[in-house]
């Protein structure tokens, strides 16, 4: 049972290889559970709208989402740079 005077925080950190959430970035989900049972969820390390994908399944299990507050990371874009080198076969 949770204590009456303070919240409990749960963390899950992992490194993602999924390009939709930022190549190799550290993603963090932080859940704060109040004594009344209200769960607050915070996502960091995920750029753009991919945070909605990251939290979709867990939100279904937790119940009704009462409020969504988007952070500045929601409006960031992931930039991917690709370099192509042509091998001419001679040195």
PDB file of N, CA and C in Angstrom:
ATOM      1  N   UNK A   1       0.841  -1.177   0.000  1.00  0.00           N
ATOM      2  CA  UNK A   1       0.000   0.000   0.000  1.00  0.00           C
ATOM      3  C   UNK A   1       0.887   1.241   0.000  1.00  0.00           C
ATOM      4  N   UNK A   2       0.475   2.263  -0.706  1.00  0.00           N
ATOM      5  CA  UNK A   2       1.226   3.502  -0.785  1.00  0.00           C
ATOM      6  C   UNK A   2       1.036   4.319   0.486  1.00  0.00           C
ATOM      7  N   UNK A   3       2.082   5.068   0.845  1.00  0.00           N
ATOM      8  CA  UNK A   3       2.006   5.924   2.022  1.00  0.00           C
ATOM      9  C   UNK A   3       0.970   7.020   1.843  1.00  0.00           C
ATOM     10  N   UNK A   4       0.481   7.555   2.934  1.00  0.00           N
ATOM     11  CA  UNK A   4      -0.553   8.582   2.872  1.00  0.00           C
ATOM     12  C   UNK A   4      -0.021   9.970   2.569  1.00  0.00           C
ATOM     13  N   UNK A   5       1.256  10.241   2.868  1.00  0.00           N
ATOM     14  CA  UNK A   5       1.734  11.611   2.778  1.00  0.00           C
ATOM     15  C   UNK A   5       2.518  11.941   1.520  1.00  0.00           C
ATOM     16  N   UNK A   6       2.928  10.966   0.743  1.00  0.00           N
ATOM     17  CA  UNK A   6       3.705  11.292  -0.452  1.00  0.00           C
ATOM     18  C   UNK A   6       3.420  10.334  -1.592  1.00  0.00           C
ATOM     19  N   UNK A   7       3.843  10.755  -2.772  1.00  0.00           N
ATOM     20  CA  UNK A   7       3.622   9.982  -3.988  1.00  0.00           C
ATOM     21  C   UNK A   7       4.731   8.962  -4.176  1.00  0.00           C
ATOM     22  N   UNK A   8       4.463   7.964  -4.984  1.00  0.00           N
ATOM     23  CA  UNK A   8       5.453   6.967  -5.359  1.00  0.00           C
ATOM     24  C   UNK A   8       5.821   7.204  -6.805  1.00  0.00           C
ATOM     25  N   UNK A   9       7.125   7.189  -7.108  1.00  0.00           N
ATOM     26  CA  UNK A   9       7.577   7.396  -8.482  1.00  0.00           C
ATOM     27  C   UNK A   9       8.159   6.104  -9.025  1.00  0.00           C
ATOM     28  N   UNK A  10       7.791   5.793 -10.238  1.00  0.00           N
ATOM     29  CA  UNK A  10       8.309   4.628 -10.945  1.00  0.00           C
ATOM     30  C   UNK A  10       8.987   5.114 -12.208  1.00  0.00           C
ATOM     31  N   UNK A  11      10.154   4.554 -12.533  1.00  0.00           N
ATOM     32  CA  UNK A  11      10.902   4.986 -13.706  1.00  0.00           C
ATOM     33  C   UNK A  11      11.179   3.799 -14.611  1.00  0.00           C
ATOM     34  N   UNK A  12      11.242   4.066 -15.895  1.00  0.00           N
ATOM     35  CA  UNK A  12      11.678   3.064 -16.859  1.00  0.00           C
ATOM     36  C   UNK A  12      12.543   3.785 -17.879  1.00  0.00           C
ATOM     37  N   UNK A  13      13.838   3.476 -17.894  1.00  0.00           N
ATOM     38  CA  UNK A  13      14.773   4.069 -18.850  1.00  0.00           C
ATOM     39  C   UNK A  13      15.228   2.980 -19.803  1.00  0.00           C
ATOM     40  N   UNK A  14      15.345   3.318 -21.064  1.00  0.00           N
ATOM     41  CA  UNK A  14      15.912   2.381 -22.022  1.00  0.00           C
ATOM     42  C   UNK A  14      16.458   3.140 -23.209  1.00  0.00           C
ATOM     43  N   UNK A  15      17.341   2.479 -23.947  1.00  0.00           N
ATOM     44  CA  UNK A  15      17.873   3.066 -25.166  1.00  0.00           C
ATOM     45  C   UNK A  15      17.136   2.440 -26.323  1.00  0.00           C
ATOM     46  N   UNK A  16      16.662   3.280 -27.223  1.00  0.00           N
ATOM     47  CA  UNK A  16      15.869   2.810 -28.348  1.00  0.00           C
ATOM     48  C   UNK A  16      16.693   2.765 -29.616  1.00  0.00           C
ATOM     49  N   UNK A  17      16.491   1.738 -30.412  1.00  0.00           N
ATOM     50  CA  UNK A  17      17.063   1.677 -31.749  1.00  0.00           C
ATOM     51  C   UNK A  17      16.005   1.999 -32.789  1.00  0.00           C
ATOM     52  N   UNK A  18      14.828   2.359 -32.338  1.00  0.00           N
ATOM     53  CA  UNK A  18      13.702   2.685 -33.208  1.00  0.00           C
ATOM     54  C   UNK A  18      13.877   4.095 -33.745  1.00  0.00           C
ATOM     55  N   UNK A  19      13.966   4.229 -35.072  1.00  0.00           N
ATOM     56  CA  UNK A  19      14.212   5.541 -35.677  1.00  0.00           C
ATOM     57  C   UNK A  19      13.052   6.505 -35.475  1.00  0.00           C
ATOM     58  N   UNK A  20      11.867   6.010 -35.150  1.00  0.00           N
ATOM     59  CA  UNK A  20      10.726   6.906 -34.972  1.00  0.00           C
ATOM     60  C   UNK A  20      10.828   7.721 -33.694  1.00  0.00           C
ATOM     61  N   UNK A  21      11.664   7.291 -32.764  1.00  0.00           N
ATOM     62  CA  UNK A  21      11.747   8.020 -31.505  1.00  0.00           C
ATOM     63  C   UNK A  21      13.120   8.609 -31.257  1.00  0.00           C
ATOM     64  N   UNK A  22      13.945   8.665 -32.283  1.00  0.00           N
ATOM     65  CA  UNK A  22      15.269   9.256 -32.115  1.00  0.00           C
ATOM     66  C   UNK A  22      16.307   8.169 -32.033  1.00  0.00           C
ATOM     67  N   UNK A  23      17.208   8.128 -32.936  1.00  0.00           N
ATOM     68  CA  UNK A  23      18.182   7.054 -33.034  1.00  0.00           C
ATOM     69  C   UNK A  23      19.072   6.977 -31.805  1.00  0.00           C
ATOM     70  N   UNK A  24      18.970   5.868 -31.074  1.00  0.00           N
ATOM     71  CA  UNK A  24      19.837   5.624 -29.943  1.00  0.00           C
ATOM     72  C   UNK A  24      19.649   6.574 -28.772  1.00  0.00           C
ATOM     73  N   UNK A  25      18.549   7.266 -28.689  1.00  0.00           N
ATOM     74  CA  UNK A  25      18.355   8.229 -27.605  1.00  0.00           C
ATOM     75  C   UNK A  25      17.857   7.526 -26.348  1.00  0.00           C
ATOM     76  N   UNK A  26      18.143   8.128 -25.192  1.00  0.00           N
ATOM     77  CA  UNK A  26      17.651   7.594 -23.928  1.00  0.00           C
ATOM     78  C   UNK A  26      16.225   8.087 -23.733  1.00  0.00           C
ATOM     79  N   UNK A  27      15.308   7.159 -23.682  1.00  0.00           N
ATOM     80  CA  UNK A  27      13.902   7.488 -23.471  1.00  0.00           C
ATOM     81  C   UNK A  27      13.559   7.211 -22.017  1.00  0.00           C
ATOM     82  N   UNK A  28      12.757   8.073 -21.433  1.00  0.00           N
ATOM     83  CA  UNK A  28      12.402   7.901 -20.032  1.00  0.00           C
ATOM     84  C   UNK A  28      10.907   8.110 -19.855  1.00  0.00           C
ATOM     85  N   UNK A  29      10.290   7.153 -19.173  1.00  0.00           N
ATOM     86  CA  UNK A  29       8.896   7.281 -18.757  1.00  0.00           C
ATOM     87  C   UNK A  29       8.905   7.377 -17.244  1.00  0.00           C
ATOM     88  N   UNK A  30       8.268   8.395 -16.724  1.00  0.00           N
ATOM     89  CA  UNK A  30       8.194   8.591 -15.274  1.00  0.00           C
ATOM     90  C   UNK A  30       6.727   8.588 -14.876  1.00  0.00           C
ATOM     91  N   UNK A  31       6.389   7.734 -13.922  1.00  0.00           N
ATOM     92  CA  UNK A  31       5.020   7.649 -13.435  1.00  0.00           C
ATOM     93  C   UNK A  31       5.012   8.062 -11.969  1.00  0.00           C
ATOM     94  N   UNK A  32       4.131   8.973 -11.620  1.00  0.00           N
ATOM     95  CA  UNK A  32       3.948   9.379 -10.234  1.00  0.00           C
ATOM     96  C   UNK A  32       2.543   8.965  -9.831  1.00  0.00           C
ATOM     97  N   UNK A  33       2.454   8.192  -8.757  1.00  0.00           N
ATOM     98  CA  UNK A  33       1.160   7.695  -8.286  1.00  0.00           C
ATOM     99  C   UNK A  33       0.851   8.379  -6.956  1.00  0.00           C
ATOM    100  N   UNK A  34      -0.219   9.148  -6.939  1.00  0.00           N
ATOM    101  CA  UNK A  34      -0.593   9.882  -5.724  1.00  0.00           C
ATOM    102  C   UNK A  34      -1.295   8.945  -4.751  1.00  0.00           C
ATOM    103  N   UNK A  35      -1.413   9.332  -3.494  1.00  0.00           N
ATOM    104  CA  UNK A  35      -2.123   8.504  -2.516  1.00  0.00           C
ATOM    105  C   UNK A  35      -3.565   8.202  -2.926  1.00  0.00           C
ATOM    106  N   UNK A  36      -4.169   9.095  -3.716  1.00  0.00           N
ATOM    107  CA  UNK A  36      -5.554   8.866  -4.152  1.00  0.00           C
ATOM    108  C   UNK A  36      -5.635   7.918  -5.352  1.00  0.00           C
ATOM    109  N   UNK A  37      -4.458   7.537  -5.909  1.00  0.00           N
ATOM    110  CA  UNK A  37      -4.444   6.622  -7.047  1.00  0.00           C
ATOM    111  C   UNK A  37      -4.304   7.301  -8.393  1.00  0.00           C
ATOM    112  N   UNK A  38      -4.262   8.621  -8.425  1.00  0.00           N
ATOM    113  CA  UNK A  38      -4.090   9.361  -9.672  1.00  0.00           C
ATOM    114  C   UNK A  38      -2.666   9.146 -10.187  1.00  0.00           C
ATOM    115  N   UNK A  39      -2.543   8.758 -11.440  1.00  0.00           N
ATOM    116  CA  UNK A  39      -1.241   8.490 -12.048  1.00  0.00           C
ATOM    117  C   UNK A  39      -0.880   9.640 -12.980  1.00  0.00           C
ATOM    118  N   UNK A  40       0.303  10.219 -12.774  1.00  0.00           N
ATOM    119  CA  UNK A  40       0.834  11.243 -13.664  1.00  0.00           C
ATOM    120  C   UNK A  40       1.991  10.615 -14.419  1.00  0.00           C
ATOM    121  N   UNK A  41       2.001  10.805 -15.720  1.00  0.00           N
ATOM    122  CA  UNK A  41       3.001  10.179 -16.584  1.00  0.00           C
ATOM    123  C   UNK A  41       3.769  11.271 -17.309  1.00  0.00           C
ATOM    124  N   UNK A  42       5.107  11.144 -17.347  1.00  0.00           N
ATOM    125  CA  UNK A  42       5.936  12.119 -18.054  1.00  0.00           C
ATOM    126  C   UNK A  42       6.902  11.358 -18.954  1.00  0.00           C
ATOM    127  N   UNK A  43       6.974  11.773 -20.223  1.00  0.00           N
ATOM    128  CA  UNK A  43       7.858  11.137 -21.203  1.00  0.00           C
ATOM    129  C   UNK A  43       8.941  12.134 -21.580  1.00  0.00           C
ATOM    130  N   UNK A  44      10.209  11.713 -21.521  1.00  0.00           N
ATOM    131  CA  UNK A  44      11.315  12.555 -21.970  1.00  0.00           C
ATOM    132  C   UNK A  44      12.221  11.730 -22.874  1.00  0.00           C
ATOM    133  N   UNK A  45      12.951  12.419 -23.739  1.00  0.00           N
ATOM    134  CA  UNK A  45      13.879  11.744 -24.641  1.00  0.00           C
ATOM    135  C   UNK A  45      13.234  11.248 -25.917  1.00  0.00           C
ATOM    136  N   UNK A  46      11.994  11.619 -26.157  1.00  0.00           N
ATOM    137  CA  UNK A  46      11.281  11.217 -27.366  1.00  0.00           C
ATOM    138  C   UNK A  46      10.855  12.494 -28.077  1.00  0.00           C
ATOM    139  N   UNK A  47      11.306  12.671 -29.324  1.00  0.00           N
ATOM    140  CA  UNK A  47      10.957  13.890 -30.044  1.00  0.00           C
ATOM    141  C   UNK A  47       9.750  13.678 -30.942  1.00  0.00           C
ATOM    142  N   UNK A  48       9.037  14.764 -31.171  1.00  0.00           N
ATOM    143  CA  UNK A  48       7.883  14.715 -32.059  1.00  0.00           C
ATOM    144  C   UNK A  48       6.725  13.957 -31.444  1.00  0.00           C
ATOM    145  N   UNK A  49       5.745  13.631 -32.260  1.00  0.00           N
ATOM    146  CA  UNK A  49       4.543  12.960 -31.759  1.00  0.00           C
ATOM    147  C   UNK A  49       4.739  11.485 -31.427  1.00  0.00           C
ATOM    148  N   UNK A  50       5.964  10.946 -31.551  1.00  0.00           N
ATOM    149  CA  UNK A  50       6.192   9.533 -31.229  1.00  0.00           C
ATOM    150  C   UNK A  50       5.915   9.211 -29.772  1.00  0.00           C
ATOM    151  N   UNK A  51       5.919  10.230 -28.890  1.00  0.00           N
ATOM    152  CA  UNK A  51       5.645   9.955 -27.480  1.00  0.00           C
ATOM    153  C   UNK A  51       4.251   9.357 -27.313  1.00  0.00           C
ATOM    154  N   UNK A  52       3.339   9.712 -28.200  1.00  0.00           N
ATOM    155  CA  UNK A  52       1.988   9.146 -28.139  1.00  0.00           C
ATOM    156  C   UNK A  52       2.017   7.652 -28.442  1.00  0.00           C
ATOM    157  N   UNK A  53       2.904   7.245 -29.340  1.00  0.00           N
ATOM    158  CA  UNK A  53       3.056   5.824 -29.670  1.00  0.00           C
ATOM    159  C   UNK A  53       3.663   5.083 -28.483  1.00  0.00           C
ATOM    160  N   UNK A  54       4.669   5.700 -27.850  1.00  0.00           N
ATOM    161  CA  UNK A  54       5.357   5.090 -26.710  1.00  0.00           C
ATOM    162  C   UNK A  54       4.388   4.831 -25.560  1.00  0.00           C
ATOM    163  N   UNK A  55       3.443   5.724 -25.329  1.00  0.00           N
ATOM    164  CA  UNK A  55       2.552   5.623 -24.170  1.00  0.00           C
ATOM    165  C   UNK A  55       1.175   5.034 -24.475  1.00  0.00           C
ATOM    166  N   UNK A  56       0.889   4.779 -25.720  1.00  0.00           N
ATOM    167  CA  UNK A  56      -0.460   4.348 -26.113  1.00  0.00           C
ATOM    168  C   UNK A  56      -0.943   3.110 -25.354  1.00  0.00           C
ATOM    169  N   UNK A  57      -0.160   2.050 -25.347  1.00  0.00           N
ATOM    170  CA  UNK A  57      -0.603   0.800 -24.719  1.00  0.00           C
ATOM    171  C   UNK A  57      -0.730   0.924 -23.205  1.00  0.00           C
ATOM    172  N   UNK A  58       0.250   1.569 -22.579  1.00  0.00           N
ATOM    173  CA  UNK A  58       0.176   1.692 -21.119  1.00  0.00           C
ATOM    174  C   UNK A  58      -0.989   2.573 -20.699  1.00  0.00           C
ATOM    175  N   UNK A  59      -1.299   3.588 -21.480  1.00  0.00           N
ATOM    176  CA  UNK A  59      -2.448   4.438 -21.162  1.00  0.00           C
ATOM    177  C   UNK A  59      -3.750   3.651 -21.229  1.00  0.00           C
ATOM    178  N   UNK A  60      -3.847   2.717 -22.163  1.00  0.00           N
ATOM    179  CA  UNK A  60      -5.047   1.871 -22.247  1.00  0.00           C
ATOM    180  C   UNK A  60      -5.201   1.046 -20.972  1.00  0.00           C
ATOM    181  N   UNK A  61      -4.070   0.555 -20.430  1.00  0.00           N
ATOM    182  CA  UNK A  61      -4.111  -0.270 -19.223  1.00  0.00           C
ATOM    183  C   UNK A  61      -4.381   0.558 -17.969  1.00  0.00           C
ATOM    184  N   UNK A  62      -3.906   1.811 -17.960  1.00  0.00           N
ATOM    185  CA  UNK A  62      -4.078   2.657 -16.779  1.00  0.00           C
ATOM    186  C   UNK A  62      -5.491   3.196 -16.643  1.00  0.00           C
ATOM    187  N   UNK A  63      -6.174   3.396 -17.756  1.00  0.00           N
ATOM    188  CA  UNK A  63      -7.537   3.923 -17.687  1.00  0.00           C
ATOM    189  C   UNK A  63      -7.689   5.228 -18.432  1.00  0.00           C
ATOM    190  N   UNK A  64      -8.671   5.998 -18.037  1.00  0.00           N
ATOM    191  CA  UNK A  64      -9.010   7.237 -18.735  1.00  0.00           C
ATOM    192  C   UNK A  64      -7.925   8.302 -18.557  1.00  0.00           C
ATOM    193  N   UNK A  65      -7.512   8.902 -19.673  1.00  0.00           N
ATOM    194  CA  UNK A  65      -6.559  10.009 -19.640  1.00  0.00           C
ATOM    195  C   UNK A  65      -7.358  11.284 -19.401  1.00  0.00           C
ATOM    196  N   UNK A  66      -7.057  11.980 -18.312  1.00  0.00           N
ATOM    197  CA  UNK A  66      -7.804  13.184 -17.958  1.00  0.00           C
ATOM    198  C   UNK A  66      -7.232  14.440 -18.592  1.00  0.00           C
ATOM    199  N   UNK A  67      -5.918  14.479 -18.778  1.00  0.00           N
ATOM    200  CA  UNK A  67      -5.282  15.697 -19.285  1.00  0.00           C
ATOM    201  C   UNK A  67      -3.964  15.335 -19.959  1.00  0.00           C
ATOM    202  N   UNK A  68      -3.640  16.046 -21.041  1.00  0.00           N
ATOM    203  CA  UNK A  68      -2.367  15.875 -21.738  1.00  0.00           C
ATOM    204  C   UNK A  68      -1.698  17.240 -21.816  1.00  0.00           C
ATOM    205  N   UNK A  69      -0.461  17.310 -21.343  1.00  0.00           N
ATOM    206  CA  UNK A  69       0.313  18.551 -21.417  1.00  0.00           C
ATOM    207  C   UNK A  69       1.554  18.257 -22.252  1.00  0.00           C
ATOM    208  N   UNK A  70       1.620  18.852 -23.433  1.00  0.00           N
ATOM    209  CA  UNK A  70       2.730  18.589 -24.342  1.00  0.00           C
ATOM    210  C   UNK A  70       3.948  19.410 -23.941  1.00  0.00           C
ATOM    211  N   UNK A  71       5.135  18.787 -24.029  1.00  0.00           N
ATOM    212  CA  UNK A  71       6.384  19.475 -23.715  1.00  0.00           C
ATOM    213  C   UNK A  71       7.000  20.013 -24.998  1.00  0.00           C
ATOM    214  N   UNK A  72       8.084  20.742 -24.873  1.00  0.00           N
ATOM    215  CA  UNK A  72       8.759  21.296 -26.051  1.00  0.00           C
ATOM    216  C   UNK A  72       9.295  20.192 -26.960  1.00  0.00           C
ATOM    217  N   UNK A  73       9.607  19.013 -26.392  1.00  0.00           N
ATOM    218  CA  UNK A  73      10.092  17.895 -27.208  1.00  0.00           C
ATOM    219  C   UNK A  73       9.044  17.439 -28.225  1.00  0.00           C
ATOM    220  N   UNK A  74       7.791  17.662 -27.927  1.00  0.00           N
ATOM    221  CA  UNK A  74       6.713  17.282 -28.840  1.00  0.00           C
ATOM    222  C   UNK A  74       6.850  18.000 -30.178  1.00  0.00           C
ATOM    223  N   UNK A  75       7.413  19.202 -30.149  1.00  0.00           N
ATOM    224  CA  UNK A  75       7.504  20.017 -31.355  1.00  0.00           C
ATOM    225  C   UNK A  75       8.875  19.944 -32.027  1.00  0.00           C
ATOM    226  N   UNK A  76       9.779  19.122 -31.476  1.00  0.00           N
ATOM    227  CA  UNK A  76      11.094  18.945 -32.089  1.00  0.00           C
ATOM    228  C   UNK A  76      10.996  17.930 -33.214  1.00  0.00           C
ATOM    229  N   UNK A  77      11.891  18.053 -34.171  1.00  0.00           N
ATOM    230  CA  UNK A  77      11.946  17.110 -35.276  1.00  0.00           C
ATOM    231  C   UNK A  77      13.241  16.320 -35.195  1.00  0.00           C
ATOM    232  N   UNK A  78      13.176  15.052 -35.575  1.00  0.00           N
ATOM    233  CA  UNK A  78      14.367  14.227 -35.649  1.00  0.00           C
ATOM    234  C   UNK A  78      14.961  14.393 -37.035  1.00  0.00           C
ATOM    235  N   UNK A  79      16.242  14.724 -37.091  1.00  0.00           N
ATOM    236  CA  UNK A  79      16.927  14.920 -38.367  1.00  0.00           C
ATOM    237  C   UNK A  79      17.837  13.725 -38.607  1.00  0.00           C
ATOM    238  N   UNK A  80      17.709  13.118 -39.780  1.00  0.00           N
ATOM    239  CA  UNK A  80      18.556  11.995 -40.164  1.00  0.00           C
ATOM    240  C   UNK A  80      19.414  12.420 -41.330  1.00  0.00           C
ATOM    241  N   UNK A  81      20.723  12.217 -41.198  1.00  0.00           N
ATOM    242  CA  UNK A  81      21.656  12.593 -42.259  1.00  0.00           C
ATOM    243  C   UNK A  81      22.220  11.324 -42.879  1.00  0.00           C
ATOM    244  N   UNK A  82      22.194  11.258 -44.205  1.00  0.00           N
ATOM    245  CA  UNK A  82      22.729  10.111 -44.928  1.00  0.00           C
ATOM    246  C   UNK A  82      23.808  10.592 -45.878  1.00  0.00           C
ATOM    247  N   UNK A  83      24.974   9.967 -45.815  1.00  0.00           N
ATOM    248  CA  UNK A  83      26.078  10.289 -46.720  1.00  0.00           C
ATOM    249  C   UNK A  83      26.300   9.117 -47.660  1.00  0.00           C
ATOM    250  N   UNK A  84      26.392   9.390 -48.948  1.00  0.00           N
ATOM    251  CA  UNK A  84      26.642   8.358 -49.949  1.00  0.00           C
ATOM    252  C   UNK A  84      28.020   8.613 -50.536  1.00  0.00           C
ATOM    253  N   UNK A  85      28.861   7.581 -50.524  1.00  0.00           N
ATOM    254  CA  UNK A  85      30.212   7.690 -51.070  1.00  0.00           C
ATOM    255  C   UNK A  85      30.309   6.756 -52.261  1.00  0.00           C
ATOM    256  N   UNK A  86      30.742   7.287 -53.386  1.00  0.00           N
ATOM    257  CA  UNK A  86      30.881   6.487 -54.597  1.00  0.00           C
ATOM    258  C   UNK A  86      32.301   5.945 -54.668  1.00  0.00           C
ATOM    259  N   UNK A  87      32.420   4.639 -54.836  1.00  0.00           N
ATOM    260  CA  UNK A  87      33.729   3.998 -54.964  1.00  0.00           C
ATOM    261  C   UNK A  87      34.122   4.008 -56.433  1.00  0.00           C
ATOM    262  N   UNK A  88      35.174   4.744 -56.773  1.00  0.00           N
ATOM    263  CA  UNK A  88      35.617   4.853 -58.169  1.00  0.00           C
ATOM    264  C   UNK A  88      36.547   3.704 -58.553  1.00  0.00           C
ATOM    265  N   UNK A  89      36.967   2.914 -57.597  1.00  0.00           N
ATOM    266  CA  UNK A  89      37.768   1.728 -57.897  1.00  0.00           C
ATOM    267  C   UNK A  89      39.248   1.981 -58.131  1.00  0.00           C
ATOM    268  N   UNK A  90      39.720   3.206 -58.121  1.00  0.00           N
ATOM    269  CA  UNK A  90      41.146   3.482 -58.307  1.00  0.00           C
ATOM    270  C   UNK A  90      41.654   4.329 -57.161  1.00  0.00           C
ATOM    271  N   UNK A  91      42.918   4.145 -56.866  1.00  0.00           N
ATOM    272  CA  UNK A  91      43.520   4.928 -55.783  1.00  0.00           C
ATOM    273  C   UNK A  91      44.584   5.757 -56.324  1.00  0.00           C
TER     274      UNK A  91
END
